[in-house]
Every structure is written in C-alpha cells, then in structure tokens.
C-alpha cells in the first residue's frame, strides 16, 4: 500500500501509494510514513523541518478520504512551502484536492 524511493544525492523522497486511501488505510499507512520522515529528519520532533523534497505518487490511487488529506496537511507543515508535491493524480483526485483548498499550499499534478 505504501513504498518509498529515496534519492539521497537529490534529497528527494517519493512515496508511492496504491488502492483506496480510506480512513482505515490512511490510519495504517500514517505510522509508516511518519516513521520514514522521522528517520530522514533524525528526530521524532515534527517541529524540526525537513529540507528534502517529497512527492506523493498517486498513480495507483482511485479514492482518498479526508484522513488522507489530513496526512498531506501534516506533512506539508513539516517541509518548506513548495517541497511537497502530489503527482500523477487522476482528475477526480485533483478536484478533491482543489475543493479542500490544498492546491493553494501543495503542488498538485
């Protein structure tokens, strides 16, 4: 449901999500995602910002719940503005991010 690819020289983390990211799936993957971010940050303190660029690849996602949007907002607060991208969204997902107003603070494509 979630796999990572970290390009150390470029300091870029790509997170590949699959399936329906409903409330239960989002809850299950959030711990794994936050643990990876903490590893990159070197601490579990979310106030310490990551300098890495992060991409959420949504190629294989067909549904997101508000709980996944909460994850996006939480991660967006941990990186500088413009460092979190949501990529490869189908039109329905793009519209969902736009309705939530996240297209203002995230790069959604």
PDB file of N, CA and C in Angstrom:
ATOM      1  N   UNK A   1       0.807  -1.188   0.000  1.00  0.00           N
ATOM      2  CA  UNK A   1       0.000   0.000   0.000  1.00  0.00           C
ATOM      3  C   UNK A   1       0.857   1.261   0.000  1.00  0.00           C
ATOM      4  N   UNK A   2       2.078   1.173   0.549  1.00  0.00           N
ATOM      5  CA  UNK A   2       2.982   2.313   0.558  1.00  0.00           C
ATOM      6  C   UNK A   2       4.399   1.806   0.397  1.00  0.00           C
ATOM      7  N   UNK A   3       5.105   2.407  -0.544  1.00  0.00           N
ATOM      8  CA  UNK A   3       6.530   2.107  -0.685  1.00  0.00           C
ATOM      9  C   UNK A   3       7.263   3.409  -0.942  1.00  0.00           C
ATOM     10  N   UNK A   4       8.561   3.394  -0.644  1.00  0.00           N
ATOM     11  CA  UNK A   4       9.367   4.600  -0.708  1.00  0.00           C
ATOM     12  C   UNK A   4      10.519   4.434  -1.682  1.00  0.00           C
ATOM     13  N   UNK A   5      10.926   5.553  -2.262  1.00  0.00           N
ATOM     14  CA  UNK A   5      12.154   5.618  -3.041  1.00  0.00           C
ATOM     15  C   UNK A   5      12.842   6.917  -2.630  1.00  0.00           C
ATOM     16  N   UNK A   6      14.038   6.794  -2.039  1.00  0.00           N
ATOM     17  CA  UNK A   6      14.754   7.981  -1.583  1.00  0.00           C
ATOM     18  C   UNK A   6      15.989   8.183  -2.435  1.00  0.00           C
ATOM     19  N   UNK A   7      16.085   9.338  -3.069  1.00  0.00           N
ATOM     20  CA  UNK A   7      17.246   9.727  -3.853  1.00  0.00           C
ATOM     21  C   UNK A   7      18.101  10.599  -2.947  1.00  0.00           C
ATOM     22  N   UNK A   8      19.105   9.994  -2.330  1.00  0.00           N
ATOM     23  CA  UNK A   8      19.904  10.691  -1.318  1.00  0.00           C
ATOM     24  C   UNK A   8      20.654  11.902  -1.882  1.00  0.00           C
ATOM     25  N   UNK A   9      21.340  11.785  -3.028  1.00  0.00           N
ATOM     26  CA  UNK A   9      22.059  12.968  -3.533  1.00  0.00           C
ATOM     27  C   UNK A   9      21.133  14.157  -3.821  1.00  0.00           C
ATOM     28  N   UNK A  10      19.944  13.890  -4.325  1.00  0.00           N
ATOM     29  CA  UNK A  10      18.997  14.964  -4.648  1.00  0.00           C
ATOM     30  C   UNK A  10      18.131  15.342  -3.449  1.00  0.00           C
ATOM     31  N   UNK A  11      18.204  14.553  -2.372  1.00  0.00           N
ATOM     32  CA  UNK A  11      17.369  14.766  -1.179  1.00  0.00           C
ATOM     33  C   UNK A  11      15.890  14.804  -1.563  1.00  0.00           C
ATOM     34  N   UNK A  12      15.454  13.770  -2.296  1.00  0.00           N
ATOM     35  CA  UNK A  12      14.058  13.669  -2.742  1.00  0.00           C
ATOM     36  C   UNK A  12      13.480  12.321  -2.331  1.00  0.00           C
ATOM     37  N   UNK A  13      12.363  12.375  -1.657  1.00  0.00           N
ATOM     38  CA  UNK A  13      11.643  11.173  -1.236  1.00  0.00           C
ATOM     39  C   UNK A  13      10.367  11.069  -2.056  1.00  0.00           C
ATOM     40  N   UNK A  14      10.182   9.920  -2.703  1.00  0.00           N
ATOM     41  CA  UNK A  14       8.936   9.660  -3.408  1.00  0.00           C
ATOM     42  C   UNK A  14       8.198   8.557  -2.664  1.00  0.00           C
ATOM     43  N   UNK A  15       6.932   8.831  -2.352  1.00  0.00           N
ATOM     44  CA  UNK A  15       6.078   7.873  -1.657  1.00  0.00           C
ATOM     45  C   UNK A  15       5.036   7.391  -2.665  1.00  0.00           C
ATOM     46  N   UNK A  16       5.005   6.096  -2.902  1.00  0.00           N
ATOM     47  CA  UNK A  16       4.063   5.510  -3.849  1.00  0.00           C
ATOM     48  C   UNK A  16       2.905   4.883  -3.078  1.00  0.00           C
ATOM     49  N   UNK A  17       1.718   5.401  -3.305  1.00  0.00           N
ATOM     50  CA  UNK A  17       0.516   4.903  -2.649  1.00  0.00           C
ATOM     51  C   UNK A  17      -0.286   4.076  -3.649  1.00  0.00           C
ATOM     52  N   UNK A  18      -1.039   3.092  -3.134  1.00  0.00           N
ATOM     53  CA  UNK A  18      -1.877   2.275  -4.007  1.00  0.00           C
ATOM     54  C   UNK A  18      -3.242   2.039  -3.372  1.00  0.00           C
ATOM     55  N   UNK A  19      -4.238   1.846  -4.237  1.00  0.00           N
ATOM     56  CA  UNK A  19      -5.574   1.459  -3.794  1.00  0.00           C
ATOM     57  C   UNK A  19      -6.417   2.605  -3.277  1.00  0.00           C
ATOM     58  N   UNK A  20      -7.377   2.246  -2.449  1.00  0.00           N
ATOM     59  CA  UNK A  20      -8.282   3.209  -1.809  1.00  0.00           C
ATOM     60  C   UNK A  20      -7.651   3.700  -0.517  1.00  0.00           C
ATOM     61  N   UNK A  21      -7.450   4.990  -0.436  1.00  0.00           N
ATOM     62  CA  UNK A  21      -6.892   5.569   0.791  1.00  0.00           C
ATOM     63  C   UNK A  21      -8.033   6.078   1.646  1.00  0.00           C
ATOM     64  N   UNK A  22      -8.816   5.118   2.142  1.00  0.00           N
ATOM     65  CA  UNK A  22      -9.934   5.455   3.021  1.00  0.00           C
ATOM     66  C   UNK A  22      -9.402   5.658   4.436  1.00  0.00           C
ATOM     67  N   UNK A  23     -10.282   5.838   5.379  1.00  0.00           N
ATOM     68  CA  UNK A  23      -9.884   6.146   6.751  1.00  0.00           C
ATOM     69  C   UNK A  23      -9.003   5.061   7.352  1.00  0.00           C
ATOM     70  N   UNK A  24      -9.371   3.815   7.182  1.00  0.00           N
ATOM     71  CA  UNK A  24      -8.600   2.712   7.767  1.00  0.00           C
ATOM     72  C   UNK A  24      -7.241   2.604   7.111  1.00  0.00           C
ATOM     73  N   UNK A  25      -7.200   2.656   5.785  1.00  0.00           N
ATOM     74  CA  UNK A  25      -5.917   2.571   5.073  1.00  0.00           C
ATOM     75  C   UNK A  25      -5.015   3.741   5.445  1.00  0.00           C
ATOM     76  N   UNK A  26      -5.581   4.934   5.532  1.00  0.00           N
ATOM     77  CA  UNK A  26      -4.789   6.118   5.884  1.00  0.00           C
ATOM     78  C   UNK A  26      -4.218   6.000   7.288  1.00  0.00           C
ATOM     79  N   UNK A  27      -5.024   5.502   8.202  1.00  0.00           N
ATOM     80  CA  UNK A  27      -4.565   5.314   9.581  1.00  0.00           C
ATOM     81  C   UNK A  27      -3.389   4.338   9.610  1.00  0.00           C
ATOM     82  N   UNK A  28      -3.501   3.241   8.848  1.00  0.00           N
ATOM     83  CA  UNK A  28      -2.456   2.220   8.836  1.00  0.00           C
ATOM     84  C   UNK A  28      -1.159   2.719   8.206  1.00  0.00           C
ATOM     85  N   UNK A  29      -1.256   3.514   7.155  1.00  0.00           N
ATOM     86  CA  UNK A  29      -0.033   3.955   6.491  1.00  0.00           C
ATOM     87  C   UNK A  29       0.584   5.192   7.126  1.00  0.00           C
ATOM     88  N   UNK A  30      -0.178   5.923   7.917  1.00  0.00           N
ATOM     89  CA  UNK A  30       0.368   7.150   8.512  1.00  0.00           C
ATOM     90  C   UNK A  30       1.557   6.866   9.422  1.00  0.00           C
ATOM     91  N   UNK A  31       1.496   5.816  10.227  1.00  0.00           N
ATOM     92  CA  UNK A  31       2.611   5.483  11.115  1.00  0.00           C
ATOM     93  C   UNK A  31       3.880   5.179  10.322  1.00  0.00           C
ATOM     94  N   UNK A  32       3.718   4.429   9.242  1.00  0.00           N
ATOM     95  CA  UNK A  32       4.859   4.077   8.397  1.00  0.00           C
ATOM     96  C   UNK A  32       5.457   5.326   7.735  1.00  0.00           C
ATOM     97  N   UNK A  33       4.603   6.197   7.244  1.00  0.00           N
ATOM     98  CA  UNK A  33       5.054   7.428   6.599  1.00  0.00           C
ATOM     99  C   UNK A  33       5.769   8.339   7.599  1.00  0.00           C
ATOM    100  N   UNK A  34       5.159   8.557   8.751  1.00  0.00           N
ATOM    101  CA  UNK A  34       5.770   9.437   9.756  1.00  0.00           C
ATOM    102  C   UNK A  34       7.088   8.865  10.261  1.00  0.00           C
ATOM    103  N   UNK A  35       7.190   7.550  10.380  1.00  0.00           N
ATOM    104  CA  UNK A  35       8.446   6.921  10.804  1.00  0.00           C
ATOM    105  C   UNK A  35       9.544   7.183   9.772  1.00  0.00           C
ATOM    106  N   UNK A  36       9.206   7.100   8.495  1.00  0.00           N
ATOM    107  CA  UNK A  36      10.184   7.375   7.438  1.00  0.00           C
ATOM    108  C   UNK A  36      10.631   8.832   7.497  1.00  0.00           C
ATOM    109  N   UNK A  37       9.692   9.746   7.685  1.00  0.00           N
ATOM    110  CA  UNK A  37      10.039  11.169   7.778  1.00  0.00           C
ATOM    111  C   UNK A  37      10.920  11.435   8.993  1.00  0.00           C
ATOM    112  N   UNK A  38      10.615  10.776  10.105  1.00  0.00           N
ATOM    113  CA  UNK A  38      11.425  10.938  11.308  1.00  0.00           C
ATOM    114  C   UNK A  38      12.848  10.425  11.094  1.00  0.00           C
ATOM    115  N   UNK A  39      12.987   9.345  10.350  1.00  0.00           N
ATOM    116  CA  UNK A  39      14.302   8.803  10.033  1.00  0.00           C
ATOM    117  C   UNK A  39      15.103   9.815   9.212  1.00  0.00           C
ATOM    118  N   UNK A  40      14.469  10.406   8.213  1.00  0.00           N
ATOM    119  CA  UNK A  40      15.146  11.406   7.379  1.00  0.00           C
ATOM    120  C   UNK A  40      15.501  12.653   8.184  1.00  0.00           C
ATOM    121  N   UNK A  41      14.629  13.031   9.081  1.00  0.00           N
ATOM    122  CA  UNK A  41      14.816  14.231   9.886  1.00  0.00           C
ATOM    123  C   UNK A  41      15.854  13.999  10.989  1.00  0.00           C
ATOM    124  N   UNK A  42      15.981  12.753  11.430  1.00  0.00           N
ATOM    125  CA  UNK A  42      16.912  12.431  12.506  1.00  0.00           C
ATOM    126  C   UNK A  42      16.337  12.642  13.890  1.00  0.00           C
ATOM    127  N   UNK A  43      15.042  12.927  13.956  1.00  0.00           N
ATOM    128  CA  UNK A  43      14.364  13.127  15.234  1.00  0.00           C
ATOM    129  C   UNK A  43      12.872  12.876  15.036  1.00  0.00           C
ATOM    130  N   UNK A  44      12.177  12.619  16.133  1.00  0.00           N
ATOM    131  CA  UNK A  44      10.725  12.454  16.022  1.00  0.00           C
ATOM    132  C   UNK A  44       9.979  13.745  16.339  1.00  0.00           C
ATOM    133  N   UNK A  45      10.715  14.847  16.411  1.00  0.00           N
ATOM    134  CA  UNK A  45      10.109  16.152  16.686  1.00  0.00           C
ATOM    135  C   UNK A  45       9.593  16.761  15.382  1.00  0.00           C
ATOM    136  N   UNK A  46       8.255  16.824  15.176  1.00  0.00           N
ATOM    137  CA  UNK A  46       7.718  17.336  13.916  1.00  0.00           C
ATOM    138  C   UNK A  46       7.943  18.827  13.703  1.00  0.00           C
ATOM    139  N   UNK A  47       8.416  19.529  14.736  1.00  0.00           N
ATOM    140  CA  UNK A  47       8.701  20.959  14.591  1.00  0.00           C
ATOM    141  C   UNK A  47       9.974  21.168  13.765  1.00  0.00           C
ATOM    142  N   UNK A  48      10.885  20.192  13.814  1.00  0.00           N
ATOM    143  CA  UNK A  48      12.108  20.259  13.016  1.00  0.00           C
ATOM    144  C   UNK A  48      11.735  19.997  11.571  1.00  0.00           C
ATOM    145  N   UNK A  49      11.950  21.002  10.713  1.00  0.00           N
ATOM    146  CA  UNK A  49      11.526  20.884   9.321  1.00  0.00           C
ATOM    147  C   UNK A  49      12.511  20.048   8.505  1.00  0.00           C
ATOM    148  N   UNK A  50      11.971  19.308   7.563  1.00  0.00           N
ATOM    149  CA  UNK A  50      12.773  18.568   6.594  1.00  0.00           C
ATOM    150  C   UNK A  50      13.155  19.504   5.462  1.00  0.00           C
ATOM    151  N   UNK A  51      14.366  19.373   4.957  1.00  0.00           N
ATOM    152  CA  UNK A  51      14.741  20.164   3.790  1.00  0.00           C
ATOM    153  C   UNK A  51      14.517  19.377   2.503  1.00  0.00           C
ATOM    154  N   UNK A  52      14.206  18.095   2.632  1.00  0.00           N
ATOM    155  CA  UNK A  52      14.003  17.230   1.475  1.00  0.00           C
ATOM    156  C   UNK A  52      12.728  17.596   0.725  1.00  0.00           C
ATOM    157  N   UNK A  53      12.730  17.302  -0.570  1.00  0.00           N
ATOM    158  CA  UNK A  53      11.508  17.425  -1.363  1.00  0.00           C
ATOM    159  C   UNK A  53      10.789  16.083  -1.285  1.00  0.00           C
ATOM    160  N   UNK A  54       9.475  16.139  -1.162  1.00  0.00           N
ATOM    161  CA  UNK A  54       8.672  14.936  -1.021  1.00  0.00           C
ATOM    162  C   UNK A  54       7.603  14.928  -2.098  1.00  0.00           C
ATOM    163  N   UNK A  55       7.447  13.769  -2.735  1.00  0.00           N
ATOM    164  CA  UNK A  55       6.386  13.592  -3.723  1.00  0.00           C
ATOM    165  C   UNK A  55       5.508  12.425  -3.295  1.00  0.00           C
ATOM    166  N   UNK A  56       4.203  12.640  -3.357  1.00  0.00           N
ATOM    167  CA  UNK A  56       3.244  11.565  -3.148  1.00  0.00           C
ATOM    168  C   UNK A  56       2.760  11.156  -4.531  1.00  0.00           C
ATOM    169  N   UNK A  57       3.153   9.973  -4.981  1.00  0.00           N
ATOM    170  CA  UNK A  57       2.751   9.487  -6.295  1.00  0.00           C
ATOM    171  C   UNK A  57       1.409   8.763  -6.164  1.00  0.00           C
ATOM    172  N   UNK A  58       0.402   9.296  -6.857  1.00  0.00           N
ATOM    173  CA  UNK A  58      -0.964   8.792  -6.741  1.00  0.00           C
ATOM    174  C   UNK A  58      -1.399   7.989  -7.970  1.00  0.00           C
ATOM    175  N   UNK A  59      -0.455   7.494  -8.753  1.00  0.00           N
ATOM    176  CA  UNK A  59      -0.762   6.771  -9.986  1.00  0.00           C
ATOM    177  C   UNK A  59      -1.752   5.636  -9.751  1.00  0.00           C
ATOM    178  N   UNK A  60      -1.581   4.908  -8.670  1.00  0.00           N
ATOM    179  CA  UNK A  60      -2.405   3.725  -8.420  1.00  0.00           C
ATOM    180  C   UNK A  60      -3.479   3.953  -7.354  1.00  0.00           C
ATOM    181  N   UNK A  61      -3.842   5.215  -7.125  1.00  0.00           N
ATOM    182  CA  UNK A  61      -4.860   5.544  -6.120  1.00  0.00           C
ATOM    183  C   UNK A  61      -6.141   5.954  -6.835  1.00  0.00           C
ATOM    184  N   UNK A  62      -7.270   5.408  -6.370  1.00  0.00           N
ATOM    185  CA  UNK A  62      -8.547   5.748  -7.006  1.00  0.00           C
ATOM    186  C   UNK A  62      -9.527   6.437  -6.046  1.00  0.00           C
ATOM    187  N   UNK A  63      -9.129   6.605  -4.781  1.00  0.00           N
ATOM    188  CA  UNK A  63     -10.021   7.239  -3.810  1.00  0.00           C
ATOM    189  C   UNK A  63      -9.183   7.743  -2.636  1.00  0.00           C
ATOM    190  N   UNK A  64      -9.520   8.948  -2.143  1.00  0.00           N
ATOM    191  CA  UNK A  64      -8.899   9.433  -0.914  1.00  0.00           C
ATOM    192  C   UNK A  64      -9.992   9.920   0.032  1.00  0.00           C
ATOM    193  N   UNK A  65      -9.779   9.677   1.293  1.00  0.00           N
ATOM    194  CA  UNK A  65     -10.694  10.151   2.336  1.00  0.00           C
ATOM    195  C   UNK A  65     -10.083  11.383   2.992  1.00  0.00           C
ATOM    196  N   UNK A  66     -10.883  12.053   3.792  1.00  0.00           N
ATOM    197  CA  UNK A  66     -10.395  13.249   4.487  1.00  0.00           C
ATOM    198  C   UNK A  66      -9.215  12.923   5.394  1.00  0.00           C
ATOM    199  N   UNK A  67      -9.128  11.695   5.856  1.00  0.00           N
ATOM    200  CA  UNK A  67      -8.000  11.315   6.711  1.00  0.00           C
ATOM    201  C   UNK A  67      -6.682  11.351   5.936  1.00  0.00           C
ATOM    202  N   UNK A  68      -6.715  11.061   4.644  1.00  0.00           N
ATOM    203  CA  UNK A  68      -5.504  11.171   3.834  1.00  0.00           C
ATOM    204  C   UNK A  68      -5.163  12.642   3.595  1.00  0.00           C
ATOM    205  N   UNK A  69      -6.175  13.466   3.426  1.00  0.00           N
ATOM    206  CA  UNK A  69      -5.940  14.906   3.266  1.00  0.00           C
ATOM    207  C   UNK A  69      -5.269  15.458   4.522  1.00  0.00           C
ATOM    208  N   UNK A  70      -5.680  14.965   5.695  1.00  0.00           N
ATOM    209  CA  UNK A  70      -5.046  15.372   6.954  1.00  0.00           C
ATOM    210  C   UNK A  70      -3.565  14.997   6.948  1.00  0.00           C
ATOM    211  N   UNK A  71      -3.236  13.827   6.437  1.00  0.00           N
ATOM    212  CA  UNK A  71      -1.838  13.400   6.335  1.00  0.00           C
ATOM    213  C   UNK A  71      -1.060  14.368   5.445  1.00  0.00           C
ATOM    214  N   UNK A  72      -1.656  14.754   4.326  1.00  0.00           N
ATOM    215  CA  UNK A  72      -0.996  15.694   3.412  1.00  0.00           C
ATOM    216  C   UNK A  72      -0.717  17.021   4.095  1.00  0.00           C
ATOM    217  N   UNK A  73      -1.686  17.523   4.835  1.00  0.00           N
ATOM    218  CA  UNK A  73      -1.515  18.792   5.545  1.00  0.00           C
ATOM    219  C   UNK A  73      -0.430  18.663   6.611  1.00  0.00           C
ATOM    220  N   UNK A  74      -0.430  17.572   7.337  1.00  0.00           N
ATOM    221  CA  UNK A  74       0.574  17.341   8.379  1.00  0.00           C
ATOM    222  C   UNK A  74       1.978  17.322   7.788  1.00  0.00           C
ATOM    223  N   UNK A  75       2.144  16.622   6.674  1.00  0.00           N
ATOM    224  CA  UNK A  75       3.462  16.558   6.032  1.00  0.00           C
ATOM    225  C   UNK A  75       3.836  17.920   5.451  1.00  0.00           C
ATOM    226  N   UNK A  76       2.871  18.623   4.868  1.00  0.00           N
ATOM    227  CA  UNK A  76       3.144  19.945   4.290  1.00  0.00           C
ATOM    228  C   UNK A  76       3.665  20.918   5.342  1.00  0.00           C
ATOM    229  N   UNK A  77       3.238  20.764   6.580  1.00  0.00           N
ATOM    230  CA  UNK A  77       3.694  21.635   7.668  1.00  0.00           C
ATOM    231  C   UNK A  77       5.125  21.316   8.096  1.00  0.00           C
ATOM    232  N   UNK A  78       5.633  20.139   7.685  1.00  0.00           N
ATOM    233  CA  UNK A  78       6.962  19.699   8.108  1.00  0.00           C
ATOM    234  C   UNK A  78       8.050  19.988   7.069  1.00  0.00           C
ATOM    235  N   UNK A  79       7.664  20.555   5.936  1.00  0.00           N
ATOM    236  CA  UNK A  79       8.627  20.882   4.878  1.00  0.00           C
ATOM    237  C   UNK A  79       8.397  22.326   4.425  1.00  0.00           C
ATOM    238  N   UNK A  80       9.420  22.954   3.842  1.00  0.00           N
ATOM    239  CA  UNK A  80       9.202  24.307   3.323  1.00  0.00           C
ATOM    240  C   UNK A  80       8.129  24.322   2.230  1.00  0.00           C
ATOM    241  N   UNK A  81       7.462  25.456   2.087  1.00  0.00           N
ATOM    242  CA  UNK A  81       6.418  25.597   1.076  1.00  0.00           C
ATOM    243  C   UNK A  81       6.988  25.245  -0.304  1.00  0.00           C
ATOM    244  N   UNK A  82       6.242  24.440  -1.043  1.00  0.00           N
ATOM    245  CA  UNK A  82       6.671  24.014  -2.371  1.00  0.00           C
ATOM    246  C   UNK A  82       7.485  22.743  -2.388  1.00  0.00           C
ATOM    247  N   UNK A  83       7.760  22.173  -1.221  1.00  0.00           N
ATOM    248  CA  UNK A  83       8.559  20.948  -1.161  1.00  0.00           C
ATOM    249  C   UNK A  83       7.710  19.677  -1.133  1.00  0.00           C
ATOM    250  N   UNK A  84       6.401  19.795  -1.064  1.00  0.00           N
ATOM    251  CA  UNK A  84       5.529  18.623  -1.120  1.00  0.00           C
ATOM    252  C   UNK A  84       4.705  18.691  -2.393  1.00  0.00           C
ATOM    253  N   UNK A  85       4.822  17.643  -3.191  1.00  0.00           N
ATOM    254  CA  UNK A  85       4.070  17.551  -4.440  1.00  0.00           C
ATOM    255  C   UNK A  85       3.197  16.311  -4.423  1.00  0.00           C
ATOM    256  N   UNK A  86       1.984  16.470  -4.929  1.00  0.00           N
ATOM    257  CA  UNK A  86       1.086  15.338  -5.131  1.00  0.00           C
ATOM    258  C   UNK A  86       1.057  15.136  -6.646  1.00  0.00           C
ATOM    259  N   UNK A  87       1.599  14.020  -7.122  1.00  0.00           N
ATOM    260  CA  UNK A  87       1.775  13.837  -8.562  1.00  0.00           C
ATOM    261  C   UNK A  87       0.971  12.651  -9.091  1.00  0.00           C
ATOM    262  N   UNK A  88       0.734  12.694 -10.395  1.00  0.00           N
ATOM    263  CA  UNK A  88       0.044  11.632 -11.130  1.00  0.00           C
ATOM    264  C   UNK A  88      -1.362  11.365 -10.610  1.00  0.00           C
ATOM    265  N   UNK A  89      -2.087  12.439 -10.314  1.00  0.00           N
ATOM    266  CA  UNK A  89      -3.471  12.323  -9.843  1.00  0.00           C
ATOM    267  C   UNK A  89      -4.422  12.182 -11.025  1.00  0.00           C
ATOM    268  N   UNK A  90      -5.445  11.360 -10.861  1.00  0.00           N
ATOM    269  CA  UNK A  90      -6.492  11.361 -11.873  1.00  0.00           C
ATOM    270  C   UNK A  90      -7.360  12.603 -11.638  1.00  0.00           C
ATOM    271  N   UNK A  91      -8.195  12.974 -12.610  1.00  0.00           N
ATOM    272  CA  UNK A  91      -8.983  14.216 -12.483  1.00  0.00           C
ATOM    273  C   UNK A  91      -9.853  14.281 -11.227  1.00  0.00           C
ATOM    274  N   UNK A  92     -10.414  13.163 -10.800  1.00  0.00           N
ATOM    275  CA  UNK A  92     -11.247  13.150  -9.603  1.00  0.00           C
ATOM    276  C   UNK A  92     -10.433  13.528  -8.363  1.00  0.00           C
ATOM    277  N   UNK A  93      -9.222  12.971  -8.253  1.00  0.00           N
ATOM    278  CA  UNK A  93      -8.371  13.282  -7.101  1.00  0.00           C
ATOM    279  C   UNK A  93      -7.917  14.740  -7.143  1.00  0.00           C
ATOM    280  N   UNK A  94      -7.573  15.241  -8.322  1.00  0.00           N
ATOM    281  CA  UNK A  94      -7.188  16.649  -8.443  1.00  0.00           C
ATOM    282  C   UNK A  94      -8.317  17.555  -7.968  1.00  0.00           C
ATOM    283  N   UNK A  95      -9.535  17.205  -8.355  1.00  0.00           N
ATOM    284  CA  UNK A  95     -10.688  18.004  -7.954  1.00  0.00           C
ATOM    285  C   UNK A  95     -10.876  17.951  -6.438  1.00  0.00           C
ATOM    286  N   UNK A  96     -10.667  16.797  -5.843  1.00  0.00           N
ATOM    287  CA  UNK A  96     -10.789  16.646  -4.397  1.00  0.00           C
ATOM    288  C   UNK A  96      -9.783  17.538  -3.677  1.00  0.00           C
ATOM    289  N   UNK A  97      -8.536  17.555  -4.145  1.00  0.00           N
ATOM    290  CA  UNK A  97      -7.518  18.417  -3.534  1.00  0.00           C
ATOM    291  C   UNK A  97      -7.880  19.888  -3.726  1.00  0.00           C
ATOM    292  N   UNK A  98      -8.432  20.221  -4.873  1.00  0.00           N
ATOM    293  CA  UNK A  98      -8.816  21.609  -5.141  1.00  0.00           C
ATOM    294  C   UNK A  98      -9.965  22.038  -4.230  1.00  0.00           C
ATOM    295  N   UNK A  99     -10.973  21.193  -4.081  1.00  0.00           N
ATOM    296  CA  UNK A  99     -12.109  21.502  -3.213  1.00  0.00           C
ATOM    297  C   UNK A  99     -11.634  21.698  -1.771  1.00  0.00           C
ATOM    298  N   UNK A 100     -10.657  20.895  -1.354  1.00  0.00           N
ATOM    299  CA  UNK A 100     -10.116  21.004   0.005  1.00  0.00           C
ATOM    300  C   UNK A 100      -9.211  22.229   0.162  1.00  0.00           C
ATOM    301  N   UNK A 101      -8.900  22.895  -0.942  1.00  0.00           N
ATOM    302  CA  UNK A 101      -8.050  24.078  -0.893  1.00  0.00           C
ATOM    303  C   UNK A 101      -6.566  23.771  -0.827  1.00  0.00           C
ATOM    304  N   UNK A 102      -6.211  22.504  -1.017  1.00  0.00           N
ATOM    305  CA  UNK A 102      -4.808  22.127  -0.913  1.00  0.00           C
ATOM    306  C   UNK A 102      -3.998  22.510  -2.147  1.00  0.00           C
ATOM    307  N   UNK A 103      -4.664  22.819  -3.241  1.00  0.00           N
ATOM    308  CA  UNK A 103      -3.926  23.242  -4.418  1.00  0.00           C
ATOM    309  C   UNK A 103      -3.250  24.597  -4.195  1.00  0.00           C
ATOM    310  N   UNK A 104      -3.633  25.277  -3.119  1.00  0.00           N
ATOM    311  CA  UNK A 104      -3.017  26.559  -2.761  1.00  0.00           C
ATOM    312  C   UNK A 104      -1.687  26.383  -2.029  1.00  0.00           C
ATOM    313  N   UNK A 105      -1.547  25.287  -1.283  1.00  0.00           N
ATOM    314  CA  UNK A 105      -0.329  25.098  -0.489  1.00  0.00           C
ATOM    315  C   UNK A 105       0.532  23.936  -0.980  1.00  0.00           C
ATOM    316  N   UNK A 106      -0.013  23.104  -1.874  1.00  0.00           N
ATOM    317  CA  UNK A 106       0.714  21.958  -2.408  1.00  0.00           C
ATOM    318  C   UNK A 106       0.796  22.073  -3.918  1.00  0.00           C
ATOM    319  N   UNK A 107       1.758  21.393  -4.490  1.00  0.00           N
ATOM    320  CA  UNK A 107       1.828  21.277  -5.942  1.00  0.00           C
ATOM    321  C   UNK A 107       1.070  20.006  -6.301  1.00  0.00           C
ATOM    322  N   UNK A 108      -0.054  20.157  -7.000  1.00  0.00           N
ATOM    323  CA  UNK A 108      -0.896  19.019  -7.363  1.00  0.00           C
ATOM    324  C   UNK A 108      -0.906  18.890  -8.868  1.00  0.00           C
ATOM    325  N   UNK A 109      -0.491  17.717  -9.359  1.00  0.00           N
ATOM    326  CA  UNK A 109      -0.487  17.493 -10.805  1.00  0.00           C
ATOM    327  C   UNK A 109      -0.902  16.071 -11.133  1.00  0.00           C
TER     328      UNK A 109
END
